[in-house]
PDB file of N, CA and C in Angstrom:
ATOM      1  N   MET A   1     -74.392  -0.936 131.694  1.00  0.00           N
ATOM      2  CA  MET A   1     -73.556  -1.751 130.838  1.00  0.00           C
ATOM      3  C   MET A   1     -74.236  -1.987 129.491  1.00  0.00           C
ATOM      4  N   ASN A   2     -75.563  -1.981 129.438  1.00  0.00           N
ATOM      5  CA  ASN A   2     -76.270  -2.209 128.186  1.00  0.00           C
ATOM      6  C   ASN A   2     -76.415  -0.946 127.346  1.00  0.00           C
ATOM      7  N   ASN A   3     -75.982   0.191 127.864  1.00  0.00           N
ATOM      8  CA  ASN A   3     -76.106   1.451 127.143  1.00  0.00           C
ATOM      9  C   ASN A   3     -74.856   1.714 126.313  1.00  0.00           C
ATOM     10  N   ILE A   4     -74.695   0.973 125.233  1.00  0.00           N
ATOM     11  CA  ILE A   4     -73.545   1.136 124.357  1.00  0.00           C
ATOM     12  C   ILE A   4     -73.947   2.015 123.188  1.00  0.00           C
ATOM     13  N   ASN A   5     -73.202   3.073 122.965  1.00  0.00           N
ATOM     14  CA  ASN A   5     -73.440   3.962 121.830  1.00  0.00           C
ATOM     15  C   ASN A   5     -72.365   3.721 120.785  1.00  0.00           C
ATOM     16  N   TRP A   6     -72.769   3.224 119.619  1.00  0.00           N
ATOM     17  CA  TRP A   6     -71.826   2.960 118.533  1.00  0.00           C
ATOM     18  C   TRP A   6     -71.643   4.219 117.704  1.00  0.00           C
ATOM     19  N   VAL A   7     -70.413   4.450 117.297  1.00  0.00           N
ATOM     20  CA  VAL A   7     -70.101   5.533 116.384  1.00  0.00           C
ATOM     21  C   VAL A   7     -69.517   4.889 115.135  1.00  0.00           C
ATOM     22  N   VAL A   8     -70.169   5.094 114.010  1.00  0.00           N
ATOM     23  CA  VAL A   8     -69.705   4.530 112.753  1.00  0.00           C
ATOM     24  C   VAL A   8     -68.723   5.518 112.132  1.00  0.00           C
ATOM     25  N   SER A   9     -67.458   5.088 111.976  1.00  0.00           N
ATOM     26  CA  SER A   9     -66.433   5.997 111.473  1.00  0.00           C
ATOM     27  C   SER A   9     -66.583   6.261 109.982  1.00  0.00           C
ATOM     28  N   ASP A  10     -67.100   5.302 109.242  1.00  0.00           N
ATOM     29  CA  ASP A  10     -67.301   5.443 107.802  1.00  0.00           C
ATOM     30  C   ASP A  10     -68.716   5.005 107.447  1.00  0.00           C
ATOM     31  N   PRO A  11     -69.706   5.866 107.629  1.00  0.00           N
ATOM     32  CA  PRO A  11     -71.088   5.427 107.448  1.00  0.00           C
ATOM     33  C   PRO A  11     -71.417   4.964 106.033  1.00  0.00           C
ATOM     34  N   TYR A  12     -70.788   5.544 105.004  1.00  0.00           N
ATOM     35  CA  TYR A  12     -71.080   5.122 103.631  1.00  0.00           C
ATOM     36  C   TYR A  12     -70.523   3.731 103.354  1.00  0.00           C
ATOM     37  N   VAL A  13     -69.348   3.445 103.869  1.00  0.00           N
ATOM     38  CA  VAL A  13     -68.777   2.104 103.726  1.00  0.00           C
ATOM     39  C   VAL A  13     -69.648   1.102 104.472  1.00  0.00           C
ATOM     40  N   PHE A  14     -70.067   1.452 105.659  1.00  0.00           N
ATOM     41  CA  PHE A  14     -70.934   0.594 106.466  1.00  0.00           C
ATOM     42  C   PHE A  14     -72.228   0.273 105.722  1.00  0.00           C
ATOM     43  N   GLN A  15     -72.894   1.287 105.187  1.00  0.00           N
ATOM     44  CA  GLN A  15     -74.149   1.086 104.469  1.00  0.00           C
ATOM     45  C   GLN A  15     -73.954   0.262 103.205  1.00  0.00           C
ATOM     46  N   THR A  16     -72.895   0.532 102.464  1.00  0.00           N
ATOM     47  CA  THR A  16     -72.625  -0.203 101.228  1.00  0.00           C
ATOM     48  C   THR A  16     -72.341  -1.667 101.514  1.00  0.00           C
ATOM     49  N   LEU A  17     -71.532  -1.940 102.518  1.00  0.00           N
ATOM     50  CA  LEU A  17     -71.205  -3.328 102.860  1.00  0.00           C
ATOM     51  C   LEU A  17     -72.441  -4.098 103.315  1.00  0.00           C
ATOM     52  N   GLN A  18     -73.373  -3.444 103.972  1.00  0.00           N
ATOM     53  CA  GLN A  18     -74.595  -4.126 104.406  1.00  0.00           C
ATOM     54  C   GLN A  18     -75.399  -4.660 103.219  1.00  0.00           C
ATOM     55  N   THR A  19     -75.243  -4.062 102.048  1.00  0.00           N
ATOM     56  CA  THR A  19     -76.001  -4.500 100.870  1.00  0.00           C
ATOM     57  C   THR A  19     -75.418  -5.755 100.230  1.00  0.00           C
ATOM     58  N   VAL A  20     -74.209  -6.159 100.626  1.00  0.00           N
ATOM     59  CA  VAL A  20     -73.582  -7.343 100.010  1.00  0.00           C
ATOM     60  C   VAL A  20     -73.321  -8.475 101.014  1.00  0.00           C
ATOM     61  N   VAL A  21     -73.984  -8.440 102.158  1.00  0.00           N
ATOM     62  CA  VAL A  21     -73.851  -9.525 103.132  1.00  0.00           C
ATOM     63  C   VAL A  21     -74.330 -10.827 102.477  1.00  0.00           C
ATOM     64  N   GLY A  22     -73.536 -11.873 102.638  1.00  0.00           N
ATOM     65  CA  GLY A  22     -73.869 -13.181 102.065  1.00  0.00           C
ATOM     66  C   GLY A  22     -73.281 -13.393 100.682  1.00  0.00           C
ATOM     67  N   LYS A  23     -72.612 -12.392 100.134  1.00  0.00           N
ATOM     68  CA  LYS A  23     -72.037 -12.493  98.796  1.00  0.00           C
ATOM     69  C   LYS A  23     -70.515 -12.540  98.860  1.00  0.00           C
ATOM     70  N   SER A  24     -69.919 -12.938  97.744  1.00  0.00           N
ATOM     71  CA  SER A  24     -68.457 -12.963  97.645  1.00  0.00           C
ATOM     72  C   SER A  24     -67.913 -11.550  97.674  1.00  0.00           C
ATOM     73  N   ILE A  25     -66.709 -11.436  98.241  1.00  0.00           N
ATOM     74  CA  ILE A  25     -66.108 -10.119  98.413  1.00  0.00           C
ATOM     75  C   ILE A  25     -64.589 -10.277  98.478  1.00  0.00           C
ATOM     76  N   VAL A  26     -63.884  -9.254  98.039  1.00  0.00           N
ATOM     77  CA  VAL A  26     -62.444  -9.145  98.255  1.00  0.00           C
ATOM     78  C   VAL A  26     -62.221  -7.856  99.024  1.00  0.00           C
ATOM     79  N   VAL A  27     -61.469  -7.944 100.114  1.00  0.00           N
ATOM     80  CA  VAL A  27     -61.193  -6.786 100.957  1.00  0.00           C
ATOM     81  C   VAL A  27     -59.690  -6.585 101.018  1.00  0.00           C
ATOM     82  N   GLN A  28     -59.221  -5.400 100.662  1.00  0.00           N
ATOM     83  CA  GLN A  28     -57.810  -5.059 100.785  1.00  0.00           C
ATOM     84  C   GLN A  28     -57.615  -4.291 102.077  1.00  0.00           C
ATOM     85  N   THR A  29     -56.679  -4.765 102.902  1.00  0.00           N
ATOM     86  CA  THR A  29     -56.350  -4.089 104.153  1.00  0.00           C
ATOM     87  C   THR A  29     -54.897  -3.639 104.092  1.00  0.00           C
ATOM     88  N   GLU A  30     -54.458  -2.997 105.137  1.00  0.00           N
ATOM     89  CA  GLU A  30     -53.067  -2.563 105.218  1.00  0.00           C
ATOM     90  C   GLU A  30     -52.106  -3.747 105.259  1.00  0.00           C
ATOM     91  N   ARG A  31     -52.604  -4.912 105.632  1.00  0.00           N
ATOM     92  CA  ARG A  31     -51.774  -6.109 105.772  1.00  0.00           C
ATOM     93  C   ARG A  31     -51.930  -7.121 104.635  1.00  0.00           C
ATOM     94  N   GLY A  32     -52.804  -6.842 103.673  1.00  0.00           N
ATOM     95  CA  GLY A  32     -53.030  -7.771 102.576  1.00  0.00           C
ATOM     96  C   GLY A  32     -54.507  -7.860 102.259  1.00  0.00           C
ATOM     97  N   SER A  33     -54.859  -8.832 101.402  1.00  0.00           N
ATOM     98  CA  SER A  33     -56.256  -8.951 101.010  1.00  0.00           C
ATOM     99  C   SER A  33     -56.855 -10.254 101.507  1.00  0.00           C
ATOM    100  N   VAL A  34     -58.180 -10.233 101.643  1.00  0.00           N
ATOM    101  CA  VAL A  34     -58.945 -11.408 102.055  1.00  0.00           C
ATOM    102  C   VAL A  34     -60.070 -11.581 101.046  1.00  0.00           C
ATOM    103  N   ARG A  35     -60.221 -12.810 100.531  1.00  0.00           N
ATOM    104  CA  ARG A  35     -61.276 -13.138  99.582  1.00  0.00           C
ATOM    105  C   ARG A  35     -62.158 -14.185 100.231  1.00  0.00           C
ATOM    106  N   GLY A  36     -63.464 -13.920 100.249  1.00  0.00           N
ATOM    107  CA  GLY A  36     -64.390 -14.873 100.850  1.00  0.00           C
ATOM    108  C   GLY A  36     -65.816 -14.363 100.802  1.00  0.00           C
ATOM    109  N   THR A  37     -66.625 -14.857 101.729  1.00  0.00           N
ATOM    110  CA  THR A  37     -68.031 -14.464 101.813  1.00  0.00           C
ATOM    111  C   THR A  37     -68.208 -13.505 102.979  1.00  0.00           C
ATOM    112  N   LEU A  38     -68.849 -12.371 102.704  1.00  0.00           N
ATOM    113  CA  LEU A  38     -69.120 -11.405 103.765  1.00  0.00           C
ATOM    114  C   LEU A  38     -70.256 -11.940 104.620  1.00  0.00           C
ATOM    115  N   LYS A  39     -69.967 -12.232 105.874  1.00  0.00           N
ATOM    116  CA  LYS A  39     -70.951 -12.831 106.767  1.00  0.00           C
ATOM    117  C   LYS A  39     -71.673 -11.823 107.636  1.00  0.00           C
ATOM    118  N   GLN A  40     -70.965 -10.759 108.035  1.00  0.00           N
ATOM    119  CA  GLN A  40     -71.578  -9.821 108.981  1.00  0.00           C
ATOM    120  C   GLN A  40     -70.904  -8.462 108.854  1.00  0.00           C
ATOM    121  N   VAL A  41     -71.703  -7.406 109.056  1.00  0.00           N
ATOM    122  CA  VAL A  41     -71.197  -6.036 109.065  1.00  0.00           C
ATOM    123  C   VAL A  41     -71.630  -5.387 110.371  1.00  0.00           C
ATOM    124  N   LEU A  42     -70.660  -4.924 111.126  1.00  0.00           N
ATOM    125  CA  LEU A  42     -70.924  -4.244 112.390  1.00  0.00           C
ATOM    126  C   LEU A  42     -70.296  -2.849 112.316  1.00  0.00           C
ATOM    127  N   PRO A  43     -70.640  -1.946 113.230  1.00  0.00           N
ATOM    128  CA  PRO A  43     -70.131  -0.576 113.137  1.00  0.00           C
ATOM    129  C   PRO A  43     -68.606  -0.455 113.112  1.00  0.00           C
ATOM    130  N   ASP A  44     -67.901  -1.388 113.770  1.00  0.00           N
ATOM    131  CA  ASP A  44     -66.446  -1.250 113.846  1.00  0.00           C
ATOM    132  C   ASP A  44     -65.668  -2.328 113.095  1.00  0.00           C
ATOM    133  N   HIS A  45     -66.341  -3.378 112.604  1.00  0.00           N
ATOM    134  CA  HIS A  45     -65.634  -4.428 111.872  1.00  0.00           C
ATOM    135  C   HIS A  45     -66.587  -5.227 110.993  1.00  0.00           C
ATOM    136  N   ILE A  46     -65.980  -6.012 110.092  1.00  0.00           N
ATOM    137  CA  ILE A  46     -66.747  -6.932 109.262  1.00  0.00           C
ATOM    138  C   ILE A  46     -66.209  -8.333 109.495  1.00  0.00           C
ATOM    139  N   VAL A  47     -67.013  -9.333 109.136  1.00  0.00           N
ATOM    140  CA  VAL A  47     -66.602 -10.730 109.253  1.00  0.00           C
ATOM    141  C   VAL A  47     -66.652 -11.335 107.854  1.00  0.00           C
ATOM    142  N   VAL A  48     -65.497 -11.833 107.395  1.00  0.00           N
ATOM    143  CA  VAL A  48     -65.388 -12.479 106.092  1.00  0.00           C
ATOM    144  C   VAL A  48     -64.995 -13.928 106.324  1.00  0.00           C
ATOM    145  N   GLU A  49     -65.769 -14.858 105.757  1.00  0.00           N
ATOM    146  CA  GLU A  49     -65.466 -16.281 105.890  1.00  0.00           C
ATOM    147  C   GLU A  49     -64.717 -16.744 104.644  1.00  0.00           C
ATOM    148  N   SER A  50     -63.574 -17.372 104.877  1.00  0.00           N
ATOM    149  CA  SER A  50     -62.746 -17.851 103.778  1.00  0.00           C
ATOM    150  C   SER A  50     -62.056 -19.143 104.204  1.00  0.00           C
ATOM    151  N   GLY A  51     -62.235 -20.189 103.416  1.00  0.00           N
ATOM    152  CA  GLY A  51     -61.574 -21.458 103.708  1.00  0.00           C
ATOM    153  C   GLY A  51     -61.962 -22.046 105.043  1.00  0.00           C
ATOM    154  N   GLY A  52     -63.192 -21.825 105.482  1.00  0.00           N
ATOM    155  CA  GLY A  52     -63.650 -22.354 106.757  1.00  0.00           C
ATOM    156  C   GLY A  52     -63.218 -21.537 107.963  1.00  0.00           C
ATOM    157  N   ASN A  53     -62.546 -20.414 107.730  1.00  0.00           N
ATOM    158  CA  ASN A  53     -62.098 -19.534 108.805  1.00  0.00           C
ATOM    159  C   ASN A  53     -62.842 -18.208 108.740  1.00  0.00           C
ATOM    160  N   SER A  54     -63.057 -17.601 109.889  1.00  0.00           N
ATOM    161  CA  SER A  54     -63.672 -16.284 109.957  1.00  0.00           C
ATOM    162  C   SER A  54     -62.594 -15.240 110.188  1.00  0.00           C
ATOM    163  N   PHE A  55     -62.574 -14.223 109.328  1.00  0.00           N
ATOM    164  CA  PHE A  55     -61.638 -13.120 109.461  1.00  0.00           C
ATOM    165  C   PHE A  55     -62.410 -11.905 109.950  1.00  0.00           C
ATOM    166  N   TYR A  56     -61.974 -11.354 111.059  1.00  0.00           N
ATOM    167  CA  TYR A  56     -62.593 -10.170 111.642  1.00  0.00           C
ATOM    168  C   TYR A  56     -61.718  -8.981 111.251  1.00  0.00           C
ATOM    169  N   ILE A  57     -62.258  -8.115 110.388  1.00  0.00           N
ATOM    170  CA  ILE A  57     -61.478  -7.022 109.830  1.00  0.00           C
ATOM    171  C   ILE A  57     -62.048  -5.702 110.323  1.00  0.00           C
ATOM    172  N   ARG A  58     -61.201  -4.909 110.970  1.00  0.00           N
ATOM    173  CA  ARG A  58     -61.640  -3.598 111.447  1.00  0.00           C
ATOM    174  C   ARG A  58     -61.949  -2.696 110.267  1.00  0.00           C
ATOM    175  N   THR A  59     -63.059  -2.000 110.312  1.00  0.00           N
ATOM    176  CA  THR A  59     -63.483  -1.128 109.224  1.00  0.00           C
ATOM    177  C   THR A  59     -62.429  -0.072 108.918  1.00  0.00           C
ATOM    178  N   GLN A  60     -61.749   0.428 109.926  1.00  0.00           N
ATOM    179  CA  GLN A  60     -60.732   1.457 109.736  1.00  0.00           C
ATOM    180  C   GLN A  60     -59.520   0.930 108.964  1.00  0.00           C
ATOM    181  N   GLN A  61     -59.342  -0.385 108.891  1.00  0.00           N
ATOM    182  CA  GLN A  61     -58.204  -0.973 108.199  1.00  0.00           C
ATOM    183  C   GLN A  61     -58.492  -1.263 106.724  1.00  0.00           C
ATOM    184  N   ILE A  62     -59.741  -1.085 106.288  1.00  0.00           N
ATOM    185  CA  ILE A  62     -60.117  -1.386 104.910  1.00  0.00           C
ATOM    186  C   ILE A  62     -59.644  -0.273 103.983  1.00  0.00           C
ATOM    187  N   ILE A  63     -58.934  -0.669 102.907  1.00  0.00           N
ATOM    188  CA  ILE A  63     -58.479   0.276 101.895  1.00  0.00           C
ATOM    189  C   ILE A  63     -59.460   0.300 100.733  1.00  0.00           C
ATOM    190  N   TRP A  64     -59.830  -0.882 100.225  1.00  0.00           N
ATOM    191  CA  TRP A  64     -60.838  -0.986  99.176  1.00  0.00           C
ATOM    192  C   TRP A  64     -61.555  -2.314  99.272  1.00  0.00           C
ATOM    193  N   VAL A  65     -62.726  -2.383  98.604  1.00  0.00           N
ATOM    194  CA  VAL A  65     -63.562  -3.581  98.614  1.00  0.00           C
ATOM    195  C   VAL A  65     -64.048  -3.839  97.198  1.00  0.00           C
ATOM    196  N   VAL A  66     -64.055  -5.118  96.788  1.00  0.00           N
ATOM    197  CA  VAL A  66     -64.647  -5.510  95.507  1.00  0.00           C
ATOM    198  C   VAL A  66     -65.767  -6.504  95.818  1.00  0.00           C
ATOM    199  N   PRO A  67     -67.035  -6.056  95.705  1.00  0.00           N
ATOM    200  CA  PRO A  67     -68.132  -6.999  95.895  1.00  0.00           C
ATOM    201  C   PRO A  67     -68.337  -7.832  94.625  1.00  0.00           C
ATOM    202  N   ASN A  68     -68.672  -9.102  94.805  1.00  0.00           N
ATOM    203  CA  ASN A  68     -68.926 -10.016  93.691  1.00  0.00           C
ATOM    204  C   ASN A  68     -67.778 -10.040  92.674  1.00  0.00           C
ATOM    205  N   PRO A  69     -66.557 -10.346  93.122  1.00  0.00           N
ATOM    206  CA  PRO A  69     -65.418 -10.336  92.203  1.00  0.00           C
ATOM    207  C   PRO A  69     -65.558 -11.398  91.109  1.00  0.00           C
ATOM    208  N   GLN A  70     -65.240 -11.019  89.895  1.00  0.00           N
ATOM    209  CA  GLN A  70     -65.321 -11.942  88.762  1.00  0.00           C
ATOM    210  C   GLN A  70     -63.943 -12.416  88.310  1.00  0.00           C
ATOM    211  N   LEU A  71     -62.902 -11.831  88.840  1.00  0.00           N
ATOM    212  CA  LEU A  71     -61.554 -12.206  88.412  1.00  0.00           C
ATOM    213  C   LEU A  71     -61.079 -13.461  89.126  1.00  0.00           C
ATOM    214  N   VAL A  72     -60.374 -14.295  88.411  1.00  0.00           N
ATOM    215  CA  VAL A  72     -59.788 -15.500  88.991  1.00  0.00           C
ATOM    216  C   VAL A  72     -58.367 -15.141  89.418  1.00  0.00           C
ATOM    217  N   PRO A  73     -57.977 -15.462  90.656  1.00  0.00           N
ATOM    218  CA  PRO A  73     -56.632 -15.100  91.105  1.00  0.00           C
ATOM    219  C   PRO A  73     -55.573 -15.797  90.267  1.00  0.00           C
ATOM    220  N   GLU A  74     -54.492 -15.089  89.991  1.00  0.00           N
ATOM    221  CA  GLU A  74     -53.406 -15.641  89.184  1.00  0.00           C
ATOM    222  C   GLU A  74     -52.466 -16.471  90.001  1.00  0.00           C
TER     223      GLU A  74
END
């Protein structure tokens, strides 16, 4: 049961996201966008904290990412 082999579907996205853990981020998914702090990056999903809630976003659902966004939402 402890022999879990992870397969990273997008290794470049995984590596890039690991460099911005703890920073502000905007993530666009197929269902909309999430703006918050990137808390954790795992092989199959990321955790973004926004408004006191944790959003668990599957890596395969990510369309684009903006690390350290400077734009103010309209």
